[in-house]
Amino acid sequence: MKSTIEIIESLHKIILEREPIRMELIKSFQNKVWEDESIKDETLNEILSGLAYDLDFYEPNEDWRNEDPSYYGDDRLEKEIRIAIQKLQALNPE
């Protein structure tokens, strides 16, 4: 896995991008988290795994989002990512 700074930068990029690039960045982030077995820090793993799981419920299409109350849009996506960034920064204050 990348350094915490690189992870935060990739999360900021998700916030800044729009569809369809945003969804590609999300999937890339999730795959890296789920496939990387080198994350030994339990708290870091919890933060990243929790965010990767939560991102499964992001749905940019409002019509599809209305089909299931567990889906959410851009505002909540950005909020979830910002919360994760704050947690990551608290782990490694630099």
PDB file of N, CA and C in Angstrom:
ATOM      1  N   MET A   1       0.862  -1.180   0.000  1.00  0.00           N
ATOM      2  CA  MET A   1       0.000   0.000   0.000  1.00  0.00           C
ATOM      3  C   MET A   1       0.894   1.223   0.000  1.00  0.00           C
ATOM      4  N   LYS A   2       0.367   2.260  -0.519  1.00  0.00           N
ATOM      5  CA  LYS A   2       1.088   3.533  -0.566  1.00  0.00           C
ATOM      6  C   LYS A   2       1.230   4.119   0.838  1.00  0.00           C
ATOM      7  N   SER A   3       2.002   5.188   0.921  1.00  0.00           N
ATOM      8  CA  SER A   3       2.116   5.895   2.193  1.00  0.00           C
ATOM      9  C   SER A   3       0.783   6.572   2.515  1.00  0.00           C
ATOM     10  N   THR A   4       0.636   6.953   3.761  1.00  0.00           N
ATOM     11  CA  THR A   4      -0.601   7.626   4.178  1.00  0.00           C
ATOM     12  C   THR A   4      -0.826   8.902   3.376  1.00  0.00           C
ATOM     13  N   ILE A   5       0.242   9.629   3.100  1.00  0.00           N
ATOM     14  CA  ILE A   5       0.118  10.871   2.323  1.00  0.00           C
ATOM     15  C   ILE A   5      -0.407  10.569   0.921  1.00  0.00           C
ATOM     16  N   GLU A   6       0.106   9.506   0.300  1.00  0.00           N
ATOM     17  CA  GLU A   6      -0.356   9.137  -1.037  1.00  0.00           C
ATOM     18  C   GLU A   6      -1.807   8.666  -1.024  1.00  0.00           C
ATOM     19  N   ILE A   7      -2.185   7.954   0.035  1.00  0.00           N
ATOM     20  CA  ILE A   7      -3.578   7.508   0.170  1.00  0.00           C
ATOM     21  C   ILE A   7      -4.495   8.724   0.281  1.00  0.00           C
ATOM     22  N   ILE A   8      -4.119   9.674   1.115  1.00  0.00           N
ATOM     23  CA  ILE A   8      -4.918  10.899   1.280  1.00  0.00           C
ATOM     24  C   ILE A   8      -5.021  11.653  -0.038  1.00  0.00           C
ATOM     25  N   GLU A   9      -3.923  11.739  -0.771  1.00  0.00           N
ATOM     26  CA  GLU A   9      -3.955  12.416  -2.072  1.00  0.00           C
ATOM     27  C   GLU A   9      -4.901  11.715  -3.038  1.00  0.00           C
ATOM     28  N   SER A  10      -4.899  10.379  -3.038  1.00  0.00           N
ATOM     29  CA  SER A  10      -5.802   9.655  -3.937  1.00  0.00           C
ATOM     30  C   SER A  10      -7.259   9.848  -3.523  1.00  0.00           C
ATOM     31  N   LEU A  11      -7.511   9.971  -2.216  1.00  0.00           N
ATOM     32  CA  LEU A  11      -8.876  10.233  -1.753  1.00  0.00           C
ATOM     33  C   LEU A  11      -9.323  11.648  -2.123  1.00  0.00           C
ATOM     34  N   HIS A  12      -8.412  12.611  -2.030  1.00  0.00           N
ATOM     35  CA  HIS A  12      -8.735  13.981  -2.458  1.00  0.00           C
ATOM     36  C   HIS A  12      -9.080  14.002  -3.944  1.00  0.00           C
ATOM     37  N   LYS A  13      -8.380  13.197  -4.714  1.00  0.00           N
ATOM     38  CA  LYS A  13      -8.639  13.153  -6.154  1.00  0.00           C
ATOM     39  C   LYS A  13     -10.048  12.636  -6.433  1.00  0.00           C
ATOM     40  N   ILE A  14     -10.499  11.665  -5.658  1.00  0.00           N
ATOM     41  CA  ILE A  14     -11.877  11.165  -5.825  1.00  0.00           C
ATOM     42  C   ILE A  14     -12.866  12.296  -5.576  1.00  0.00           C
ATOM     43  N   ILE A  15     -12.616  13.101  -4.540  1.00  0.00           N
ATOM     44  CA  ILE A  15     -13.510  14.217  -4.228  1.00  0.00           C
ATOM     45  C   ILE A  15     -13.549  15.219  -5.385  1.00  0.00           C
ATOM     46  N   LEU A  16     -12.400  15.482  -5.979  1.00  0.00           N
ATOM     47  CA  LEU A  16     -12.313  16.511  -7.022  1.00  0.00           C
ATOM     48  C   LEU A  16     -12.867  16.071  -8.376  1.00  0.00           C
ATOM     49  N   GLU A  17     -12.800  14.798  -8.672  1.00  0.00           N
ATOM     50  CA  GLU A  17     -13.245  14.305  -9.984  1.00  0.00           C
ATOM     51  C   GLU A  17     -14.756  14.132 -10.036  1.00  0.00           C
ATOM     52  N   ARG A  18     -15.260  14.051 -11.228  1.00  0.00           N
ATOM     53  CA  ARG A  18     -16.678  13.782 -11.475  1.00  0.00           C
ATOM     54  C   ARG A  18     -16.789  12.531 -12.331  1.00  0.00           C
ATOM     55  N   GLU A  19     -18.015  12.089 -12.532  1.00  0.00           N
ATOM     56  CA  GLU A  19     -18.257  10.877 -13.313  1.00  0.00           C
ATOM     57  C   GLU A  19     -17.835  11.090 -14.754  1.00  0.00           C
ATOM     58  N   PRO A  20     -17.354  10.051 -15.405  1.00  0.00           N
ATOM     59  CA  PRO A  20     -17.197   8.657 -14.978  1.00  0.00           C
ATOM     60  C   PRO A  20     -15.854   8.383 -14.287  1.00  0.00           C
ATOM     61  N   ILE A  21     -14.968   9.352 -14.284  1.00  0.00           N
ATOM     62  CA  ILE A  21     -13.640   9.150 -13.699  1.00  0.00           C
ATOM     63  C   ILE A  21     -13.744   8.857 -12.209  1.00  0.00           C
ATOM     64  N   ARG A  22     -14.667   9.500 -11.533  1.00  0.00           N
ATOM     65  CA  ARG A  22     -14.821   9.304 -10.083  1.00  0.00           C
ATOM     66  C   ARG A  22     -15.059   7.835  -9.757  1.00  0.00           C
ATOM     67  N   MET A  23     -15.949   7.197 -10.487  1.00  0.00           N
ATOM     68  CA  MET A  23     -16.255   5.789 -10.219  1.00  0.00           C
ATOM     69  C   MET A  23     -15.036   4.905 -10.490  1.00  0.00           C
ATOM     70  N   GLU A  24     -14.266   5.222 -11.512  1.00  0.00           N
ATOM     71  CA  GLU A  24     -13.048   4.458 -11.804  1.00  0.00           C
ATOM     72  C   GLU A  24     -12.043   4.589 -10.653  1.00  0.00           C
ATOM     73  N   LEU A  25     -11.894   5.790 -10.123  1.00  0.00           N
ATOM     74  CA  LEU A  25     -10.976   6.015  -9.001  1.00  0.00           C
ATOM     75  C   LEU A  25     -11.437   5.273  -7.753  1.00  0.00           C
ATOM     76  N   ILE A  26     -12.736   5.258  -7.525  1.00  0.00           N
ATOM     77  CA  ILE A  26     -13.294   4.542  -6.372  1.00  0.00           C
ATOM     78  C   ILE A  26     -12.995   3.053  -6.489  1.00  0.00           C
ATOM     79  N   LYS A  27     -13.270   2.477  -7.649  1.00  0.00           N
ATOM     80  CA  LYS A  27     -13.031   1.042  -7.851  1.00  0.00           C
ATOM     81  C   LYS A  27     -11.547   0.709  -7.697  1.00  0.00           C
ATOM     82  N   SER A  28     -10.693   1.569  -8.212  1.00  0.00           N
ATOM     83  CA  SER A  28      -9.250   1.359  -8.081  1.00  0.00           C
ATOM     84  C   SER A  28      -8.836   1.380  -6.613  1.00  0.00           C
ATOM     85  N   PHE A  29      -9.341   2.354  -5.869  1.00  0.00           N
ATOM     86  CA  PHE A  29      -9.047   2.449  -4.439  1.00  0.00           C
ATOM     87  C   PHE A  29      -9.517   1.184  -3.714  1.00  0.00           C
ATOM     88  N   GLN A  30     -10.754   0.765  -3.971  1.00  0.00           N
ATOM     89  CA  GLN A  30     -11.294  -0.416  -3.312  1.00  0.00           C
ATOM     90  C   GLN A  30     -10.449  -1.655  -3.615  1.00  0.00           C
ATOM     91  N   ASN A  31     -10.092  -1.838  -4.869  1.00  0.00           N
ATOM     92  CA  ASN A  31      -9.287  -3.006  -5.238  1.00  0.00           C
ATOM     93  C   ASN A  31      -7.943  -3.008  -4.531  1.00  0.00           C
ATOM     94  N   LYS A  32      -7.317  -1.853  -4.442  1.00  0.00           N
ATOM     95  CA  LYS A  32      -6.023  -1.770  -3.764  1.00  0.00           C
ATOM     96  C   LYS A  32      -6.161  -2.134  -2.286  1.00  0.00           C
ATOM     97  N   VAL A  33      -7.212  -1.653  -1.656  1.00  0.00           N
ATOM     98  CA  VAL A  33      -7.418  -1.943  -0.230  1.00  0.00           C
ATOM     99  C   VAL A  33      -7.688  -3.430  -0.022  1.00  0.00           C
ATOM    100  N   TRP A  34      -8.575  -3.995  -0.823  1.00  0.00           N
ATOM    101  CA  TRP A  34      -8.975  -5.387  -0.615  1.00  0.00           C
ATOM    102  C   TRP A  34      -7.895  -6.381  -1.025  1.00  0.00           C
ATOM    103  N   GLU A  35      -7.046  -6.016  -1.969  1.00  0.00           N
ATOM    104  CA  GLU A  35      -6.032  -6.945  -2.456  1.00  0.00           C
ATOM    105  C   GLU A  35      -4.695  -6.810  -1.733  1.00  0.00           C
ATOM    106  N   ASP A  36      -4.504  -5.739  -0.980  1.00  0.00           N
ATOM    107  CA  ASP A  36      -3.216  -5.492  -0.335  1.00  0.00           C
ATOM    108  C   ASP A  36      -3.167  -6.169   1.028  1.00  0.00           C
ATOM    109  N   GLU A  37      -2.300  -7.147   1.137  1.00  0.00           N
ATOM    110  CA  GLU A  37      -2.147  -7.855   2.405  1.00  0.00           C
ATOM    111  C   GLU A  37      -0.978  -7.313   3.213  1.00  0.00           C
ATOM    112  N   SER A  38      -0.360  -6.249   2.728  1.00  0.00           N
ATOM    113  CA  SER A  38       0.804  -5.698   3.426  1.00  0.00           C
ATOM    114  C   SER A  38       0.432  -4.698   4.516  1.00  0.00           C
ATOM    115  N   ILE A  39      -0.844  -4.371   4.637  1.00  0.00           N
ATOM    116  CA  ILE A  39      -1.277  -3.417   5.665  1.00  0.00           C
ATOM    117  C   ILE A  39      -1.307  -4.144   7.003  1.00  0.00           C
ATOM    118  N   LYS A  40      -0.326  -3.849   7.825  1.00  0.00           N
ATOM    119  CA  LYS A  40      -0.196  -4.534   9.117  1.00  0.00           C
ATOM    120  C   LYS A  40      -0.820  -3.737  10.263  1.00  0.00           C
ATOM    121  N   ASP A  41      -0.911  -2.427  10.109  1.00  0.00           N
ATOM    122  CA  ASP A  41      -1.491  -1.593  11.155  1.00  0.00           C
ATOM    123  C   ASP A  41      -3.001  -1.821  11.187  1.00  0.00           C
ATOM    124  N   GLU A  42      -3.482  -2.337  12.315  1.00  0.00           N
ATOM    125  CA  GLU A  42      -4.888  -2.704  12.432  1.00  0.00           C
ATOM    126  C   GLU A  42      -5.825  -1.499  12.282  1.00  0.00           C
ATOM    127  N   THR A  43      -5.463  -0.380  12.879  1.00  0.00           N
ATOM    128  CA  THR A  43      -6.308   0.814  12.789  1.00  0.00           C
ATOM    129  C   THR A  43      -6.358   1.331  11.355  1.00  0.00           C
ATOM    130  N   LEU A  44      -5.213   1.382  10.695  1.00  0.00           N
ATOM    131  CA  LEU A  44      -5.179   1.812   9.287  1.00  0.00           C
ATOM    132  C   LEU A  44      -6.023   0.884   8.431  1.00  0.00           C
ATOM    133  N   ASN A  45      -5.889  -0.411   8.666  1.00  0.00           N
ATOM    134  CA  ASN A  45      -6.675  -1.384   7.913  1.00  0.00           C
ATOM    135  C   ASN A  45      -8.172  -1.180   8.139  1.00  0.00           C
ATOM    136  N   GLU A  46      -8.565  -0.911   9.371  1.00  0.00           N
ATOM    137  CA  GLU A  46      -9.983  -0.675   9.685  1.00  0.00           C
ATOM    138  C   GLU A  46     -10.509   0.559   8.960  1.00  0.00           C
ATOM    139  N   ILE A  47      -9.739   1.627   8.968  1.00  0.00           N
ATOM    140  CA  ILE A  47     -10.160   2.868   8.299  1.00  0.00           C
ATOM    141  C   ILE A  47     -10.339   2.636   6.811  1.00  0.00           C
ATOM    142  N   LEU A  48      -9.319   2.039   6.192  1.00  0.00           N
ATOM    143  CA  LEU A  48      -9.354   1.844   4.739  1.00  0.00           C
ATOM    144  C   LEU A  48     -10.409   0.820   4.325  1.00  0.00           C
ATOM    145  N   SER A  49     -10.505  -0.276   5.063  1.00  0.00           N
ATOM    146  CA  SER A  49     -11.498  -1.301   4.735  1.00  0.00           C
ATOM    147  C   SER A  49     -12.920  -0.782   4.933  1.00  0.00           C
ATOM    148  N   GLY A  50     -13.115  -0.028   6.007  1.00  0.00           N
ATOM    149  CA  GLY A  50     -14.434   0.550   6.261  1.00  0.00           C
ATOM    150  C   GLY A  50     -14.851   1.502   5.164  1.00  0.00           C
ATOM    151  N   LEU A  51     -13.922   2.345   4.738  1.00  0.00           N
ATOM    152  CA  LEU A  51     -14.237   3.277   3.656  1.00  0.00           C
ATOM    153  C   LEU A  51     -14.491   2.526   2.358  1.00  0.00           C
ATOM    154  N   ALA A  52     -13.650   1.544   2.048  1.00  0.00           N
ATOM    155  CA  ALA A  52     -13.835   0.772   0.816  1.00  0.00           C
ATOM    156  C   ALA A  52     -15.217   0.114   0.796  1.00  0.00           C
ATOM    157  N   TYR A  53     -15.638  -0.428   1.929  1.00  0.00           N
ATOM    158  CA  TYR A  53     -16.971  -1.030   2.027  1.00  0.00           C
ATOM    159  C   TYR A  53     -18.061   0.023   1.830  1.00  0.00           C
ATOM    160  N   ASP A  54     -17.938   1.142   2.529  1.00  0.00           N
ATOM    161  CA  ASP A  54     -18.947   2.202   2.426  1.00  0.00           C
ATOM    162  C   ASP A  54     -19.073   2.730   1.004  1.00  0.00           C
ATOM    163  N   LEU A  55     -17.970   2.741   0.273  1.00  0.00           N
ATOM    164  CA  LEU A  55     -18.001   3.253  -1.104  1.00  0.00           C
ATOM    165  C   LEU A  55     -18.827   2.362  -2.027  1.00  0.00           C
ATOM    166  N   ASP A  56     -19.080   1.126  -1.616  1.00  0.00           N
ATOM    167  CA  ASP A  56     -19.948   0.251  -2.408  1.00  0.00           C
ATOM    168  C   ASP A  56     -21.365   0.808  -2.526  1.00  0.00           C
ATOM    169  N   PHE A  57     -21.745   1.670  -1.607  1.00  0.00           N
ATOM    170  CA  PHE A  57     -23.104   2.191  -1.587  1.00  0.00           C
ATOM    171  C   PHE A  57     -23.230   3.546  -2.289  1.00  0.00           C
ATOM    172  N   TYR A  58     -22.129   4.029  -2.839  1.00  0.00           N
ATOM    173  CA  TYR A  58     -22.183   5.268  -3.637  1.00  0.00           C
ATOM    174  C   TYR A  58     -22.806   4.946  -4.986  1.00  0.00           C
ATOM    175  N   GLU A  59     -23.798   5.735  -5.348  1.00  0.00           N
ATOM    176  CA  GLU A  59     -24.457   5.578  -6.648  1.00  0.00           C
ATOM    177  C   GLU A  59     -24.663   6.957  -7.260  1.00  0.00           C
ATOM    178  N   PRO A  60     -23.956   7.256  -8.347  1.00  0.00           N
ATOM    179  CA  PRO A  60     -24.074   8.585  -8.953  1.00  0.00           C
ATOM    180  C   PRO A  60     -25.402   8.824  -9.671  1.00  0.00           C
ATOM    181  N   ASN A  61     -26.081   7.760 -10.067  1.00  0.00           N
ATOM    182  CA  ASN A  61     -27.335   7.899 -10.794  1.00  0.00           C
ATOM    183  C   ASN A  61     -28.493   8.033  -9.801  1.00  0.00           C
ATOM    184  N   GLU A  62     -29.127   9.199  -9.814  1.00  0.00           N
ATOM    185  CA  GLU A  62     -30.192   9.473  -8.837  1.00  0.00           C
ATOM    186  C   GLU A  62     -31.369   8.507  -8.966  1.00  0.00           C
ATOM    187  N   ASP A  63     -31.727   8.137 -10.178  1.00  0.00           N
ATOM    188  CA  ASP A  63     -32.843   7.198 -10.364  1.00  0.00           C
ATOM    189  C   ASP A  63     -32.538   5.846  -9.727  1.00  0.00           C
ATOM    190  N   TRP A  64     -31.330   5.365  -9.911  1.00  0.00           N
ATOM    191  CA  TRP A  64     -30.946   4.088  -9.318  1.00  0.00           C
ATOM    192  C   TRP A  64     -30.848   4.210  -7.805  1.00  0.00           C
ATOM    193  N   ARG A  65     -30.384   5.361  -7.338  1.00  0.00           N
ATOM    194  CA  ARG A  65     -30.261   5.614  -5.901  1.00  0.00           C
ATOM    195  C   ARG A  65     -31.626   5.544  -5.225  1.00  0.00           C
ATOM    196  N   ASN A  66     -32.658   5.981  -5.922  1.00  0.00           N
ATOM    197  CA  ASN A  66     -34.004   5.978  -5.353  1.00  0.00           C
ATOM    198  C   ASN A  66     -34.568   4.574  -5.177  1.00  0.00           C
ATOM    199  N   GLU A  67     -33.941   3.580  -5.798  1.00  0.00           N
ATOM    200  CA  GLU A  67     -34.425   2.206  -5.697  1.00  0.00           C
ATOM    201  C   GLU A  67     -34.063   1.545  -4.370  1.00  0.00           C
ATOM    202  N   ASP A  68     -33.063   2.071  -3.697  1.00  0.00           N
ATOM    203  CA  ASP A  68     -32.618   1.451  -2.446  1.00  0.00           C
ATOM    204  C   ASP A  68     -32.144   2.547  -1.492  1.00  0.00           C
ATOM    205  N   PRO A  69     -32.688   2.610  -0.290  1.00  0.00           N
ATOM    206  CA  PRO A  69     -32.313   3.681   0.644  1.00  0.00           C
ATOM    207  C   PRO A  69     -30.865   3.594   1.146  1.00  0.00           C
ATOM    208  N   SER A  70     -30.201   2.466   0.920  1.00  0.00           N
ATOM    209  CA  SER A  70     -28.809   2.364   1.379  1.00  0.00           C
ATOM    210  C   SER A  70     -27.838   3.039   0.413  1.00  0.00           C
ATOM    211  N   TYR A  71     -28.295   3.349  -0.796  1.00  0.00           N
ATOM    212  CA  TYR A  71     -27.442   4.050  -1.757  1.00  0.00           C
ATOM    213  C   TYR A  71     -27.404   5.540  -1.431  1.00  0.00           C
ATOM    214  N   TYR A  72     -26.269   6.152  -1.734  1.00  0.00           N
ATOM    215  CA  TYR A  72     -26.141   7.584  -1.492  1.00  0.00           C
ATOM    216  C   TYR A  72     -25.411   8.247  -2.649  1.00  0.00           C
ATOM    217  N   GLY A  73     -25.479   9.591  -2.668  1.00  0.00           N
ATOM    218  CA  GLY A  73     -24.920  10.363  -3.769  1.00  0.00           C
ATOM    219  C   GLY A  73     -23.629  11.084  -3.421  1.00  0.00           C
ATOM    220  N   ASP A  74     -23.355  12.122  -4.209  1.00  0.00           N
ATOM    221  CA  ASP A  74     -22.090  12.839  -4.134  1.00  0.00           C
ATOM    222  C   ASP A  74     -21.828  13.496  -2.783  1.00  0.00           C
ATOM    223  N   ASP A  75     -22.833  14.107  -2.194  1.00  0.00           N
ATOM    224  CA  ASP A  75     -22.618  14.811  -0.923  1.00  0.00           C
ATOM    225  C   ASP A  75     -22.136  13.865   0.171  1.00  0.00           C
ATOM    226  N   ARG A  76     -22.814  12.739   0.299  1.00  0.00           N
ATOM    227  CA  ARG A  76     -22.405  11.788   1.347  1.00  0.00           C
ATOM    228  C   ARG A  76     -21.070  11.146   0.992  1.00  0.00           C
ATOM    229  N   LEU A  77     -20.829  10.883  -0.279  1.00  0.00           N
ATOM    230  CA  LEU A  77     -19.534  10.332  -0.690  1.00  0.00           C
ATOM    231  C   LEU A  77     -18.404  11.224  -0.209  1.00  0.00           C
ATOM    232  N   GLU A  78     -18.536  12.505  -0.491  1.00  0.00           N
ATOM    233  CA  GLU A  78     -17.494  13.452  -0.107  1.00  0.00           C
ATOM    234  C   GLU A  78     -17.354  13.529   1.413  1.00  0.00           C
ATOM    235  N   LYS A  79     -18.468  13.440   2.117  1.00  0.00           N
ATOM    236  CA  LYS A  79     -18.429  13.466   3.588  1.00  0.00           C
ATOM    237  C   LYS A  79     -17.710  12.227   4.121  1.00  0.00           C
ATOM    238  N   GLU A  80     -18.032  11.048   3.590  1.00  0.00           N
ATOM    239  CA  GLU A  80     -17.400   9.803   4.040  1.00  0.00           C
ATOM    240  C   GLU A  80     -15.890   9.845   3.802  1.00  0.00           C
ATOM    241  N   ILE A  81     -15.490  10.358   2.645  1.00  0.00           N
ATOM    242  CA  ILE A  81     -14.065  10.433   2.323  1.00  0.00           C
ATOM    243  C   ILE A  81     -13.363  11.429   3.242  1.00  0.00           C
ATOM    244  N   ARG A  82     -13.988  12.563   3.494  1.00  0.00           N
ATOM    245  CA  ARG A  82     -13.373  13.560   4.383  1.00  0.00           C
ATOM    246  C   ARG A  82     -13.198  13.022   5.803  1.00  0.00           C
ATOM    247  N   ILE A  83     -14.165  12.261   6.265  1.00  0.00           N
ATOM    248  CA  ILE A  83     -14.057  11.651   7.593  1.00  0.00           C
ATOM    249  C   ILE A  83     -12.881  10.674   7.623  1.00  0.00           C
ATOM    250  N   ALA A  84     -12.741   9.870   6.582  1.00  0.00           N
ATOM    251  CA  ALA A  84     -11.626   8.924   6.506  1.00  0.00           C
ATOM    252  C   ALA A  84     -10.288   9.665   6.459  1.00  0.00           C
ATOM    253  N   ILE A  85     -10.234  10.754   5.708  1.00  0.00           N
ATOM    254  CA  ILE A  85      -9.002  11.541   5.623  1.00  0.00           C
ATOM    255  C   ILE A  85      -8.634  12.082   7.008  1.00  0.00           C
ATOM    256  N   GLN A  86      -9.624  12.579   7.750  1.00  0.00           N
ATOM    257  CA  GLN A  86      -9.359  13.081   9.098  1.00  0.00           C
ATOM    258  C   GLN A  86      -8.803  11.979   9.997  1.00  0.00           C
ATOM    259  N   LYS A  87      -9.351  10.787   9.888  1.00  0.00           N
ATOM    260  CA  LYS A  87      -8.869   9.659  10.684  1.00  0.00           C
ATOM    261  C   LYS A  87      -7.440   9.293  10.295  1.00  0.00           C
ATOM    262  N   LEU A  88      -7.156   9.317   9.001  1.00  0.00           N
ATOM    263  CA  LEU A  88      -5.802   9.003   8.527  1.00  0.00           C
ATOM    264  C   LEU A  88      -4.800  10.047   9.007  1.00  0.00           C
ATOM    265  N   GLN A  89      -5.206  11.299   8.958  1.00  0.00           N
ATOM    266  CA  GLN A  89      -4.320  12.366   9.421  1.00  0.00           C
ATOM    267  C   GLN A  89      -4.070  12.267  10.922  1.00  0.00           C
ATOM    268  N   ALA A  90      -5.061  11.836  11.676  1.00  0.00           N
ATOM    269  CA  ALA A  90      -4.885  11.678  13.111  1.00  0.00           C
ATOM    270  C   ALA A  90      -3.916  10.539  13.422  1.00  0.00           C
ATOM    271  N   LEU A  91      -3.862   9.531  12.554  1.00  0.00           N
ATOM    272  CA  LEU A  91      -2.929   8.419  12.733  1.00  0.00           C
ATOM    273  C   LEU A  91      -1.487   8.852  12.532  1.00  0.00           C
ATOM    274  N   ASN A  92      -1.288   9.700  11.536  1.00  0.00           N
ATOM    275  CA  ASN A  92       0.061  10.149  11.175  1.00  0.00           C
ATOM    276  C   ASN A  92       0.118  11.671  11.075  1.00  0.00           C
ATOM    277  N   PRO A  93       0.036  12.364  12.181  1.00  0.00           N
ATOM    278  CA  PRO A  93       0.115  13.831  12.105  1.00  0.00           C
ATOM    279  C   PRO A  93       1.507  14.262  11.612  1.00  0.00           C
ATOM    280  N   GLU A  94       1.503  15.021  10.531  1.00  0.00           N
ATOM    281  CA  GLU A  94       2.784  15.436   9.933  1.00  0.00           C
ATOM    282  C   GLU A  94       2.818  16.920   9.719  1.00  0.00           C
TER     283      GLU A  94
END
